[in-house]
């Protein structure tokens, strides 16, 4: 004899589980989108364009190295 009720209950349980997972994922996505927007605004407040961050980092690293080299060149050699 077929156990349709058991199979239907299992399908309902799995469907409910999938719905809950989808809702959690959608909620998390919304949270991440809000966080991204906040971070982008913070970056802009700091005077940087979010789209240019990689180049800005490269420029800052180069500037740091130049300043370190300059500081080293100004140090007395006998210390």
Protein backbone atom coordinates (compact mmCIF):
# COMPACT_ATOMS: atom_id res chain seq x y z
CA UNK A 1 0.00 0.00 0.00
CA UNK A 2 1.23 3.48 -0.85
CA UNK A 3 1.92 5.89 1.92
CA UNK A 4 0.87 9.11 0.20
CA UNK A 5 0.24 10.98 3.42
CA UNK A 6 3.78 10.37 4.62
CA UNK A 7 5.23 11.46 1.28
CA UNK A 8 3.05 14.58 1.23
CA UNK A 9 4.10 15.46 4.76
CA UNK A 10 7.73 15.00 3.81
CA UNK A 11 7.27 17.23 0.77
CA UNK A 12 5.54 19.88 2.90
CA UNK A 13 8.36 19.74 5.44
CA UNK A 14 11.01 20.10 2.75
CA UNK A 15 9.10 22.92 1.07
CA UNK A 16 8.80 24.78 4.37
CA UNK A 17 12.52 24.29 4.99
CA UNK A 18 13.32 25.67 1.53
CA UNK A 19 11.03 28.66 2.09
CA UNK A 20 12.74 29.43 5.40
CA UNK A 21 16.16 29.20 3.78
CA UNK A 22 15.05 31.54 0.99
CA UNK A 23 13.65 34.06 3.48
CA UNK A 24 16.88 33.98 5.49
CA UNK A 25 18.95 34.43 2.33
CA UNK A 26 16.80 37.35 1.17
CA UNK A 27 17.05 38.99 4.58
CA UNK A 28 20.81 38.55 4.62
CA UNK A 29 21.06 39.97 1.10
CA UNK A 30 19.09 43.04 2.17
CA UNK A 31 21.37 43.50 5.18
CA UNK A 32 24.46 43.22 3.00
CA UNK A 33 23.09 45.70 0.49
CA UNK A 34 22.41 48.20 3.29
CA UNK A 35 25.89 47.62 4.70
CA UNK A 36 27.43 48.11 1.25
CA UNK A 37 25.57 51.38 0.80
CA UNK A 38 26.73 52.58 4.23
CA UNK A 39 30.33 51.65 3.45
CA UNK A 40 30.20 53.40 0.09
CA UNK A 41 28.88 56.54 1.78
CA UNK A 42 31.61 56.35 4.42
CA UNK A 43 34.28 55.98 1.73
CA UNK A 44 32.89 59.05 -0.04
CA UNK A 45 32.90 60.99 3.25
CA UNK A 46 36.59 60.18 3.55
CA UNK A 47 37.14 61.82 0.18
CA UNK A 48 37.58 58.75 -1.99
CA UNK A 49 35.58 57.37 -4.87
CA UNK A 50 34.59 53.74 -4.22
CA UNK A 51 35.23 52.79 -7.84
CA UNK A 52 38.82 54.04 -7.59
CA UNK A 53 39.80 52.38 -4.32
CA UNK A 54 42.24 49.89 -5.82
CA UNK A 55 44.15 52.63 -7.62
CA UNK A 56 44.03 54.81 -4.52
CA UNK A 57 45.53 51.99 -2.45
CA UNK A 58 48.32 51.55 -5.01
CA UNK A 59 48.99 55.30 -4.92
CA UNK A 60 49.06 55.37 -1.12
CA UNK A 61 51.39 52.37 -0.94
CA UNK A 62 53.72 54.09 -3.38
CA UNK A 63 53.59 57.31 -1.38
CA UNK A 64 54.37 55.40 1.83
CA UNK A 65 57.39 53.75 0.23
CA UNK A 66 58.62 57.10 -1.10
CA UNK A 67 58.28 58.67 2.35
CA UNK A 68 60.08 55.75 4.00
CA UNK A 69 62.90 56.02 1.46
CA UNK A 70 63.09 59.77 2.00
CA UNK A 71 63.19 59.33 5.78
CA UNK A 72 65.93 56.73 5.45
CA UNK A 73 67.96 59.02 3.21
CA UNK A 74 67.74 61.81 5.79
CA UNK A 75 68.98 59.60 8.61
CA UNK A 76 72.66 59.88 9.46
CA UNK A 77 74.60 56.96 8.03
CA UNK A 78 76.62 56.31 11.20
CA UNK A 79 73.67 55.45 13.46
